[in-house]
Amino acid sequence: MYDLSFFRNHLEQIRERLATRGFTLDTDAFQQLDSERRRYVTESEQLKAERNQATAEIGKLRREGIDTSERQQQVRAIGERIAQLDAQVSGSDEKFRDFLARIPNLTHASVPVGSDESANQEIRRWGTPREFSFPPKAHWDLGAELGILDLERAAKVAAARFAV
């Protein structure tokens, strides 16, 4: 998964880099999800600080023998709002993770851009390809036959071209 601060700071470059892979990044959706999540987290943290301060105040008032029932009610209300916000943060985090999980890996800037595999360039070759007396099988066929690769599950988990 991507580092969020890197993603926020380089959103346009990431969008351009992904476009070379034929992927259109919805930057508006990213910014909306990010700002929503940040808003919930900020409000939750502010309320937690307020609750901590109020709890300390309640302890001080109790030591002085002053009734704290009204302040305790306020703390309970703050706690309920924090629980709501934390649930919203969790939901927002899940949406955000789903959004980021659908984004393919970035290619290095030195990778030539091509429309498909036929545009790939061979940079260099080491050795000579081995000649077999039988038709060789592809590694994905061998892995499936031997039960050591689960390509269907890999496609569900990590998208195309990855194996589990």
N, C-alpha and C. Protein backbone atom coordinates (compact mmCIF):
# COMPACT_ATOMS: atom_id res chain seq x y z
N MET A 1 0.85 -1.17 0.00
CA MET A 1 0.00 0.00 0.00
C MET A 1 0.89 1.23 0.00
N TYR A 2 0.37 2.30 -0.52
CA TYR A 2 1.13 3.53 -0.65
C TYR A 2 1.24 4.28 0.68
N ASP A 3 2.33 5.02 0.83
CA ASP A 3 2.51 5.93 1.95
C ASP A 3 1.61 7.13 1.69
N LEU A 4 0.70 7.42 2.63
CA LEU A 4 -0.29 8.47 2.40
C LEU A 4 0.32 9.85 2.24
N SER A 5 1.35 10.16 3.01
CA SER A 5 1.94 11.49 2.88
C SER A 5 2.60 11.64 1.51
N PHE A 6 3.25 10.58 1.03
CA PHE A 6 3.83 10.62 -0.32
C PHE A 6 2.72 10.81 -1.35
N PHE A 7 1.64 10.08 -1.17
CA PHE A 7 0.52 10.15 -2.10
C PHE A 7 -0.06 11.56 -2.13
N ARG A 8 -0.28 12.14 -0.93
CA ARG A 8 -0.84 13.50 -0.86
C ARG A 8 0.08 14.52 -1.53
N ASN A 9 1.37 14.40 -1.26
CA ASN A 9 2.33 15.40 -1.73
C ASN A 9 2.68 15.27 -3.21
N HIS A 10 2.43 14.10 -3.80
CA HIS A 10 2.82 13.87 -5.19
C HIS A 10 1.65 13.34 -6.02
N LEU A 11 0.46 13.79 -5.70
CA LEU A 11 -0.74 13.25 -6.33
C LEU A 11 -0.73 13.41 -7.85
N GLU A 12 -0.34 14.57 -8.32
CA GLU A 12 -0.35 14.80 -9.77
C GLU A 12 0.69 13.93 -10.48
N GLN A 13 1.88 13.80 -9.90
CA GLN A 13 2.91 12.96 -10.51
C GLN A 13 2.48 11.49 -10.51
N ILE A 14 1.83 11.07 -9.44
CA ILE A 14 1.34 9.69 -9.37
C ILE A 14 0.27 9.46 -10.44
N ARG A 15 -0.63 10.43 -10.59
CA ARG A 15 -1.68 10.32 -11.61
C ARG A 15 -1.06 10.18 -13.00
N GLU A 16 -0.05 11.00 -13.28
CA GLU A 16 0.62 10.94 -14.58
C GLU A 16 1.34 9.60 -14.78
N ARG A 17 2.00 9.12 -13.73
CA ARG A 17 2.75 7.85 -13.82
C ARG A 17 1.78 6.69 -14.04
N LEU A 18 0.64 6.73 -13.37
CA LEU A 18 -0.35 5.66 -13.54
C LEU A 18 -0.99 5.72 -14.93
N ALA A 19 -1.09 6.91 -15.49
CA ALA A 19 -1.65 7.05 -16.84
C ALA A 19 -0.79 6.32 -17.86
N THR A 20 0.52 6.21 -17.60
CA THR A 20 1.39 5.47 -18.52
C THR A 20 1.06 3.99 -18.50
N ARG A 21 0.40 3.53 -17.45
CA ARG A 21 -0.03 2.13 -17.37
C ARG A 21 -1.46 1.95 -17.85
N GLY A 22 -2.08 3.04 -18.28
CA GLY A 22 -3.46 2.95 -18.75
C GLY A 22 -4.47 3.02 -17.62
N PHE A 23 -4.05 3.49 -16.45
CA PHE A 23 -4.94 3.58 -15.29
C PHE A 23 -5.28 5.04 -15.04
N THR A 24 -6.56 5.32 -14.87
CA THR A 24 -6.99 6.69 -14.59
C THR A 24 -7.25 6.82 -13.10
N LEU A 25 -6.45 7.64 -12.45
CA LEU A 25 -6.59 7.87 -11.01
C LEU A 25 -7.61 8.98 -10.78
N ASP A 26 -8.62 8.69 -9.98
CA ASP A 26 -9.64 9.68 -9.65
C ASP A 26 -9.11 10.52 -8.48
N THR A 27 -8.42 11.60 -8.80
CA THR A 27 -7.81 12.43 -7.77
C THR A 27 -8.86 13.12 -6.91
N ASP A 28 -10.01 13.45 -7.49
CA ASP A 28 -11.07 14.09 -6.71
C ASP A 28 -11.58 13.13 -5.64
N ALA A 29 -11.77 11.87 -6.00
CA ALA A 29 -12.23 10.88 -5.03
C ALA A 29 -11.19 10.69 -3.93
N PHE A 30 -9.91 10.65 -4.31
CA PHE A 30 -8.85 10.52 -3.31
C PHE A 30 -8.90 11.68 -2.33
N GLN A 31 -8.96 12.90 -2.86
CA GLN A 31 -8.96 14.08 -2.00
C GLN A 31 -10.19 14.13 -1.11
N GLN A 32 -11.33 13.70 -1.64
CA GLN A 32 -12.55 13.69 -0.84
C GLN A 32 -12.44 12.67 0.29
N LEU A 33 -11.99 11.45 -0.02
CA LEU A 33 -11.82 10.43 1.01
C LEU A 33 -10.79 10.86 2.05
N ASP A 34 -9.71 11.45 1.59
CA ASP A 34 -8.65 11.89 2.49
C ASP A 34 -9.14 12.99 3.42
N SER A 35 -9.82 13.99 2.88
CA SER A 35 -10.28 15.10 3.73
C SER A 35 -11.36 14.64 4.71
N GLU A 36 -12.23 13.73 4.26
CA GLU A 36 -13.26 13.18 5.15
C GLU A 36 -12.61 12.44 6.32
N ARG A 37 -11.65 11.60 6.01
CA ARG A 37 -10.97 10.83 7.04
C ARG A 37 -10.23 11.76 8.00
N ARG A 38 -9.51 12.71 7.46
CA ARG A 38 -8.76 13.65 8.30
C ARG A 38 -9.68 14.47 9.19
N ARG A 39 -10.84 14.86 8.67
CA ARG A 39 -11.80 15.64 9.45
C ARG A 39 -12.30 14.83 10.65
N TYR A 40 -12.65 13.56 10.41
CA TYR A 40 -13.12 12.71 11.50
C TYR A 40 -12.02 12.48 12.54
N VAL A 41 -10.81 12.21 12.08
CA VAL A 41 -9.70 11.96 13.00
C VAL A 41 -9.40 13.21 13.83
N THR A 42 -9.38 14.36 13.19
CA THR A 42 -9.09 15.61 13.90
C THR A 42 -10.14 15.89 14.96
N GLU A 43 -11.41 15.77 14.60
CA GLU A 43 -12.48 16.03 15.56
C GLU A 43 -12.42 15.04 16.71
N SER A 44 -12.17 13.78 16.40
CA SER A 44 -12.08 12.75 17.44
C SER A 44 -10.94 13.05 18.40
N GLU A 45 -9.79 13.43 17.87
CA GLU A 45 -8.63 13.73 18.73
C GLU A 45 -8.89 14.96 19.59
N GLN A 46 -9.56 15.97 19.03
CA GLN A 46 -9.89 17.16 19.81
C GLN A 46 -10.83 16.81 20.96
N LEU A 47 -11.83 15.98 20.67
CA LEU A 47 -12.77 15.58 21.71
C LEU A 47 -12.10 14.72 22.78
N LYS A 48 -11.17 13.87 22.38
CA LYS A 48 -10.44 13.06 23.36
C LYS A 48 -9.61 13.95 24.28
N ALA A 49 -9.00 14.98 23.72
CA ALA A 49 -8.24 15.93 24.55
C ALA A 49 -9.18 16.66 25.50
N GLU A 50 -10.34 17.07 24.99
CA GLU A 50 -11.34 17.75 25.83
C GLU A 50 -11.82 16.82 26.94
N ARG A 51 -12.07 15.56 26.61
CA ARG A 51 -12.51 14.59 27.61
C ARG A 51 -11.43 14.39 28.68
N ASN A 52 -10.19 14.27 28.26
CA ASN A 52 -9.10 14.10 29.23
C ASN A 52 -9.00 15.30 30.17
N GLN A 53 -9.14 16.48 29.62
CA GLN A 53 -9.09 17.69 30.43
C GLN A 53 -10.27 17.72 31.41
N ALA A 54 -11.45 17.36 30.93
CA ALA A 54 -12.64 17.36 31.78
C ALA A 54 -12.52 16.31 32.88
N THR A 55 -11.95 15.16 32.56
CA THR A 55 -11.77 14.10 33.56
C THR A 55 -10.81 14.57 34.65
N ALA A 56 -9.76 15.25 34.27
CA ALA A 56 -8.82 15.79 35.26
C ALA A 56 -9.51 16.84 36.12
N GLU A 57 -10.35 17.65 35.49
CA GLU A 57 -11.10 18.67 36.21
C GLU A 57 -12.06 18.04 37.21
N ILE A 58 -12.71 16.95 36.80
CA ILE A 58 -13.63 16.24 37.69
C ILE A 58 -12.89 15.73 38.92
N GLY A 59 -11.72 15.15 38.70
CA GLY A 59 -10.92 14.66 39.83
C GLY A 59 -10.57 15.78 40.79
N LYS A 60 -10.21 16.92 40.26
CA LYS A 60 -9.85 18.08 41.09
C LYS A 60 -11.07 18.56 41.88
N LEU A 61 -12.22 18.64 41.20
CA LEU A 61 -13.45 19.10 41.87
C LEU A 61 -13.89 18.12 42.95
N ARG A 62 -13.74 16.84 42.72
CA ARG A 62 -14.10 15.83 43.73
C ARG A 62 -13.24 15.98 44.98
N ARG A 63 -11.95 16.22 44.76
CA ARG A 63 -11.06 16.40 45.92
C ARG A 63 -11.46 17.62 46.74
N GLU A 64 -12.06 18.59 46.07
CA GLU A 64 -12.52 19.80 46.76
C GLU A 64 -13.92 19.62 47.33
N GLY A 65 -14.55 18.47 47.06
CA GLY A 65 -15.88 18.19 47.59
C GLY A 65 -17.01 18.83 46.81
N ILE A 66 -16.78 19.19 45.58
CA ILE A 66 -17.79 19.84 44.74
C ILE A 66 -18.49 18.78 43.89
N ASP A 67 -19.82 18.95 43.71
CA ASP A 67 -20.61 18.01 42.92
C ASP A 67 -20.17 18.06 41.45
N THR A 68 -19.94 16.89 40.88
CA THR A 68 -19.44 16.80 39.49
C THR A 68 -20.41 16.09 38.55
N SER A 69 -21.64 15.87 38.99
CA SER A 69 -22.57 15.08 38.18
C SER A 69 -22.84 15.73 36.82
N GLU A 70 -22.95 17.05 36.79
CA GLU A 70 -23.20 17.73 35.51
C GLU A 70 -22.01 17.57 34.57
N ARG A 71 -20.83 17.74 35.12
CA ARG A 71 -19.61 17.61 34.30
C ARG A 71 -19.44 16.17 33.83
N GLN A 72 -19.80 15.20 34.67
CA GLN A 72 -19.71 13.79 34.28
C GLN A 72 -20.65 13.48 33.12
N GLN A 73 -21.83 14.11 33.14
CA GLN A 73 -22.76 13.93 32.02
C GLN A 73 -22.16 14.47 30.73
N GLN A 74 -21.49 15.60 30.84
CA GLN A 74 -20.84 16.18 29.67
C GLN A 74 -19.75 15.24 29.14
N VAL A 75 -18.99 14.64 30.06
CA VAL A 75 -17.94 13.70 29.66
C VAL A 75 -18.54 12.48 28.98
N ARG A 76 -19.67 11.99 29.51
CA ARG A 76 -20.34 10.84 28.87
C ARG A 76 -20.80 11.20 27.46
N ALA A 77 -21.35 12.40 27.30
CA ALA A 77 -21.80 12.85 25.97
C ALA A 77 -20.61 12.96 25.02
N ILE A 78 -19.50 13.46 25.53
CA ILE A 78 -18.29 13.55 24.70
C ILE A 78 -17.84 12.14 24.31
N GLY A 79 -17.89 11.21 25.27
CA GLY A 79 -17.50 9.83 24.99
C GLY A 79 -18.36 9.19 23.92
N GLU A 80 -19.66 9.47 23.96
CA GLU A 80 -20.57 8.93 22.94
C GLU A 80 -20.24 9.51 21.56
N ARG A 81 -19.95 10.80 21.52
CA ARG A 81 -19.60 11.44 20.24
C ARG A 81 -18.28 10.88 19.72
N ILE A 82 -17.33 10.62 20.63
CA ILE A 82 -16.05 10.03 20.23
C ILE A 82 -16.28 8.64 19.63
N ALA A 83 -17.16 7.86 20.25
CA ALA A 83 -17.46 6.52 19.73
C ALA A 83 -18.05 6.61 18.32
N GLN A 84 -18.94 7.58 18.11
CA GLN A 84 -19.52 7.77 16.77
C GLN A 84 -18.43 8.14 15.76
N LEU A 85 -17.58 9.07 16.16
CA LEU A 85 -16.51 9.51 15.26
C LEU A 85 -15.54 8.38 14.96
N ASP A 86 -15.20 7.59 15.98
CA ASP A 86 -14.28 6.47 15.76
C ASP A 86 -14.88 5.45 14.79
N ALA A 87 -16.20 5.25 14.87
CA ALA A 87 -16.86 4.36 13.91
C ALA A 87 -16.79 4.96 12.50
N GLN A 88 -16.95 6.27 12.41
CA GLN A 88 -16.85 6.93 11.11
C GLN A 88 -15.42 6.86 10.58
N VAL A 89 -14.45 6.99 11.48
CA VAL A 89 -13.04 6.88 11.07
C VAL A 89 -12.78 5.48 10.53
N SER A 90 -13.30 4.46 11.22
CA SER A 90 -13.11 3.08 10.75
C SER A 90 -13.73 2.87 9.38
N GLY A 91 -14.94 3.36 9.19
CA GLY A 91 -15.59 3.25 7.89
C GLY A 91 -14.84 4.00 6.81
N SER A 92 -14.37 5.17 7.17
CA SER A 92 -13.60 5.98 6.22
C SER A 92 -12.28 5.31 5.89
N ASP A 93 -11.63 4.72 6.90
CA ASP A 93 -10.37 3.99 6.67
C ASP A 93 -10.59 2.83 5.71
N GLU A 94 -11.71 2.12 5.91
CA GLU A 94 -12.00 0.98 5.04
C GLU A 94 -12.20 1.42 3.59
N LYS A 95 -12.96 2.50 3.40
CA LYS A 95 -13.16 3.03 2.04
C LYS A 95 -11.83 3.46 1.43
N PHE A 96 -11.01 4.09 2.26
CA PHE A 96 -9.71 4.58 1.80
C PHE A 96 -8.81 3.42 1.40
N ARG A 97 -8.76 2.37 2.24
CA ARG A 97 -7.95 1.19 1.91
C ARG A 97 -8.44 0.53 0.63
N ASP A 98 -9.75 0.42 0.47
CA ASP A 98 -10.30 -0.16 -0.76
C ASP A 98 -9.90 0.67 -1.98
N PHE A 99 -9.96 1.97 -1.84
CA PHE A 99 -9.58 2.86 -2.94
C PHE A 99 -8.11 2.65 -3.30
N LEU A 100 -7.24 2.65 -2.29
CA LEU A 100 -5.80 2.50 -2.53
C LEU A 100 -5.45 1.11 -3.04
N ALA A 101 -6.19 0.10 -2.60
CA ALA A 101 -5.90 -1.28 -3.02
C ALA A 101 -6.16 -1.48 -4.51
N ARG A 102 -7.00 -0.68 -5.09
CA ARG A 102 -7.33 -0.81 -6.51
C ARG A 102 -6.33 -0.10 -7.42
N ILE A 103 -5.40 0.62 -6.82
CA ILE A 103 -4.41 1.36 -7.61
C ILE A 103 -3.22 0.46 -7.89
N PRO A 104 -2.82 0.31 -9.15
CA PRO A 104 -1.68 -0.55 -9.46
C PRO A 104 -0.35 0.05 -8.99
N ASN A 105 0.67 -0.77 -9.01
CA ASN A 105 2.01 -0.31 -8.64
C ASN A 105 2.48 0.75 -9.63
N LEU A 106 3.28 1.67 -9.11
CA LEU A 106 3.87 2.69 -9.97
C LEU A 106 5.06 2.11 -10.70
N THR A 107 5.23 2.50 -11.93
CA THR A 107 6.41 2.09 -12.67
C THR A 107 7.52 3.10 -12.40
N HIS A 108 8.74 2.66 -12.54
CA HIS A 108 9.87 3.56 -12.39
C HIS A 108 9.89 4.53 -13.57
N ALA A 109 10.41 5.71 -13.33
CA ALA A 109 10.44 6.73 -14.39
C ALA A 109 11.25 6.29 -15.60
N SER A 110 12.19 5.36 -15.40
CA SER A 110 13.03 4.91 -16.52
C SER A 110 12.34 3.86 -17.39
N VAL A 111 11.19 3.36 -16.96
CA VAL A 111 10.49 2.33 -17.72
C VAL A 111 9.86 2.95 -18.96
N PRO A 112 10.16 2.39 -20.15
CA PRO A 112 9.56 2.95 -21.36
C PRO A 112 8.05 2.72 -21.38
N VAL A 113 7.35 3.67 -21.94
CA VAL A 113 5.89 3.60 -22.00
C VAL A 113 5.48 2.86 -23.25
N GLY A 114 4.55 1.92 -23.10
CA GLY A 114 4.03 1.18 -24.24
C GLY A 114 2.57 0.86 -24.02
N SER A 115 1.87 0.59 -25.09
CA SER A 115 0.44 0.33 -24.98
C SER A 115 0.14 -1.08 -24.48
N ASP A 116 1.04 -2.04 -24.75
CA ASP A 116 0.86 -3.42 -24.29
C ASP A 116 2.21 -4.12 -24.26
N GLU A 117 2.21 -5.44 -24.05
CA GLU A 117 3.46 -6.19 -23.93
C GLU A 117 4.30 -6.17 -25.21
N SER A 118 3.65 -6.00 -26.34
CA SER A 118 4.41 -5.99 -27.59
C SER A 118 5.34 -4.77 -27.69
N ALA A 119 5.08 -3.75 -26.88
CA ALA A 119 5.92 -2.55 -26.89
C ALA A 119 7.14 -2.69 -25.98
N ASN A 120 7.23 -3.83 -25.27
CA ASN A 120 8.38 -4.03 -24.38
C ASN A 120 9.67 -4.10 -25.20
N GLN A 121 10.73 -3.56 -24.62
CA GLN A 121 12.02 -3.56 -25.29
C GLN A 121 12.97 -4.51 -24.55
N GLU A 122 13.71 -5.30 -25.31
CA GLU A 122 14.73 -6.14 -24.69
C GLU A 122 15.99 -5.30 -24.58
N ILE A 123 16.43 -5.09 -23.37
CA ILE A 123 17.60 -4.24 -23.13
C ILE A 123 18.88 -5.03 -23.34
N ARG A 124 18.94 -6.22 -22.75
CA ARG A 124 20.10 -7.08 -22.94
C ARG A 124 19.67 -8.52 -22.67
N ARG A 125 20.50 -9.44 -23.13
CA ARG A 125 20.23 -10.87 -22.94
C ARG A 125 21.51 -11.49 -22.40
N TRP A 126 21.36 -12.34 -21.41
CA TRP A 126 22.51 -12.99 -20.81
C TRP A 126 22.44 -14.47 -21.14
N GLY A 127 23.47 -15.01 -21.69
CA GLY A 127 23.50 -16.42 -22.06
C GLY A 127 22.65 -16.70 -23.28
N THR A 128 22.51 -17.99 -23.57
CA THR A 128 21.67 -18.40 -24.70
C THR A 128 20.54 -19.25 -24.17
N PRO A 129 19.36 -19.09 -24.72
CA PRO A 129 18.23 -19.89 -24.25
C PRO A 129 18.50 -21.39 -24.45
N ARG A 130 18.12 -22.18 -23.48
CA ARG A 130 18.35 -23.62 -23.53
C ARG A 130 17.39 -24.28 -24.52
N GLU A 131 17.88 -25.26 -25.23
CA GLU A 131 17.05 -26.03 -26.16
C GLU A 131 16.61 -27.32 -25.46
N PHE A 132 15.33 -27.64 -25.57
CA PHE A 132 14.79 -28.85 -24.94
C PHE A 132 14.39 -29.85 -26.02
N SER A 133 14.41 -31.13 -25.65
CA SER A 133 13.97 -32.18 -26.57
C SER A 133 12.46 -32.39 -26.48
N PHE A 134 11.80 -31.61 -25.66
CA PHE A 134 10.35 -31.68 -25.47
C PHE A 134 9.84 -30.24 -25.40
N PRO A 135 8.55 -30.06 -25.62
CA PRO A 135 8.02 -28.70 -25.53
C PRO A 135 7.96 -28.26 -24.05
N PRO A 136 8.70 -27.23 -23.66
CA PRO A 136 8.69 -26.81 -22.25
C PRO A 136 7.34 -26.21 -21.87
N LYS A 137 7.01 -26.35 -20.59
CA LYS A 137 5.77 -25.78 -20.07
C LYS A 137 6.08 -24.45 -19.39
N ALA A 138 5.09 -23.60 -19.38
CA ALA A 138 5.23 -22.30 -18.71
C ALA A 138 5.22 -22.52 -17.19
N HIS A 139 5.84 -21.62 -16.47
CA HIS A 139 5.94 -21.77 -15.02
C HIS A 139 4.57 -21.78 -14.35
N TRP A 140 3.60 -21.05 -14.89
CA TRP A 140 2.28 -21.04 -14.28
C TRP A 140 1.57 -22.38 -14.45
N ASP A 141 1.83 -23.06 -15.57
CA ASP A 141 1.26 -24.40 -15.76
C ASP A 141 1.91 -25.39 -14.81
N LEU A 142 3.23 -25.34 -14.71
CA LEU A 142 3.95 -26.24 -13.80
C LEU A 142 3.53 -26.00 -12.35
N GLY A 143 3.44 -24.74 -11.95
CA GLY A 143 3.06 -24.41 -10.58
C GLY A 143 1.67 -24.90 -10.24
N ALA A 144 0.74 -24.77 -11.17
CA ALA A 144 -0.62 -25.25 -10.94
C ALA A 144 -0.66 -26.77 -10.86
N GLU A 145 0.08 -27.44 -11.75
CA GLU A 145 0.13 -28.91 -11.74
C GLU A 145 0.75 -29.44 -10.45
N LEU A 146 1.78 -28.77 -9.96
CA LEU A 146 2.44 -29.21 -8.74
C LEU A 146 1.72 -28.75 -7.47
N GLY A 147 0.71 -27.90 -7.63
CA GLY A 147 -0.05 -27.42 -6.49
C GLY A 147 0.69 -26.39 -5.64
N ILE A 148 1.66 -25.71 -6.24
CA ILE A 148 2.43 -24.72 -5.47
C ILE A 148 2.06 -23.28 -5.83
N LEU A 149 1.25 -23.09 -6.85
CA LEU A 149 0.77 -21.76 -7.21
C LEU A 149 -0.75 -21.79 -7.27
N ASP A 150 -1.38 -20.77 -6.70
CA ASP A 150 -2.83 -20.62 -6.79
C ASP A 150 -3.10 -19.28 -7.48
N LEU A 151 -3.12 -19.32 -8.79
CA LEU A 151 -3.23 -18.09 -9.58
C LEU A 151 -4.60 -17.45 -9.48
N GLU A 152 -5.64 -18.24 -9.29
CA GLU A 152 -6.98 -17.67 -9.16
C GLU A 152 -7.08 -16.84 -7.89
N ARG A 153 -6.60 -17.39 -6.79
CA ARG A 153 -6.61 -16.66 -5.52
C ARG A 153 -5.70 -15.44 -5.61
N ALA A 154 -4.57 -15.59 -6.28
CA ALA A 154 -3.64 -14.47 -6.43
C ALA A 154 -4.30 -13.32 -7.18
N ALA A 155 -5.05 -13.65 -8.21
CA ALA A 155 -5.71 -12.61 -8.99
C ALA A 155 -6.75 -11.88 -8.14
N LYS A 156 -7.42 -12.60 -7.25
CA LYS A 156 -8.40 -11.96 -6.38
C LYS A 156 -7.72 -11.08 -5.34
N VAL A 157 -6.60 -11.55 -4.82
CA VAL A 157 -5.92 -10.83 -3.74
C VAL A 157 -5.10 -9.66 -4.26
N ALA A 158 -4.28 -9.90 -5.27
CA ALA A 158 -3.27 -8.91 -5.66
C ALA A 158 -3.41 -8.40 -7.09
N ALA A 159 -4.37 -8.85 -7.81
CA ALA A 159 -4.59 -8.46 -9.21
C ALA A 159 -3.72 -9.29 -10.13
N ALA A 160 -3.72 -8.95 -11.39
CA ALA A 160 -3.06 -9.76 -12.40
C ALA A 160 -1.55 -9.84 -12.20
N ARG A 161 -0.98 -10.95 -12.64
CA ARG A 161 0.46 -11.18 -12.70
C ARG A 161 1.14 -11.40 -11.35
N PHE A 162 0.38 -11.71 -10.34
CA PHE A 162 0.96 -12.04 -9.05
C PHE A 162 0.53 -13.44 -8.67
N ALA A 163 1.36 -14.15 -7.95
CA ALA A 163 1.05 -15.52 -7.56
C ALA A 163 1.05 -15.66 -6.05
N VAL A 164 0.25 -16.61 -5.57
CA VAL A 164 0.18 -16.90 -4.14
C VAL A 164 0.52 -18.36 -3.94
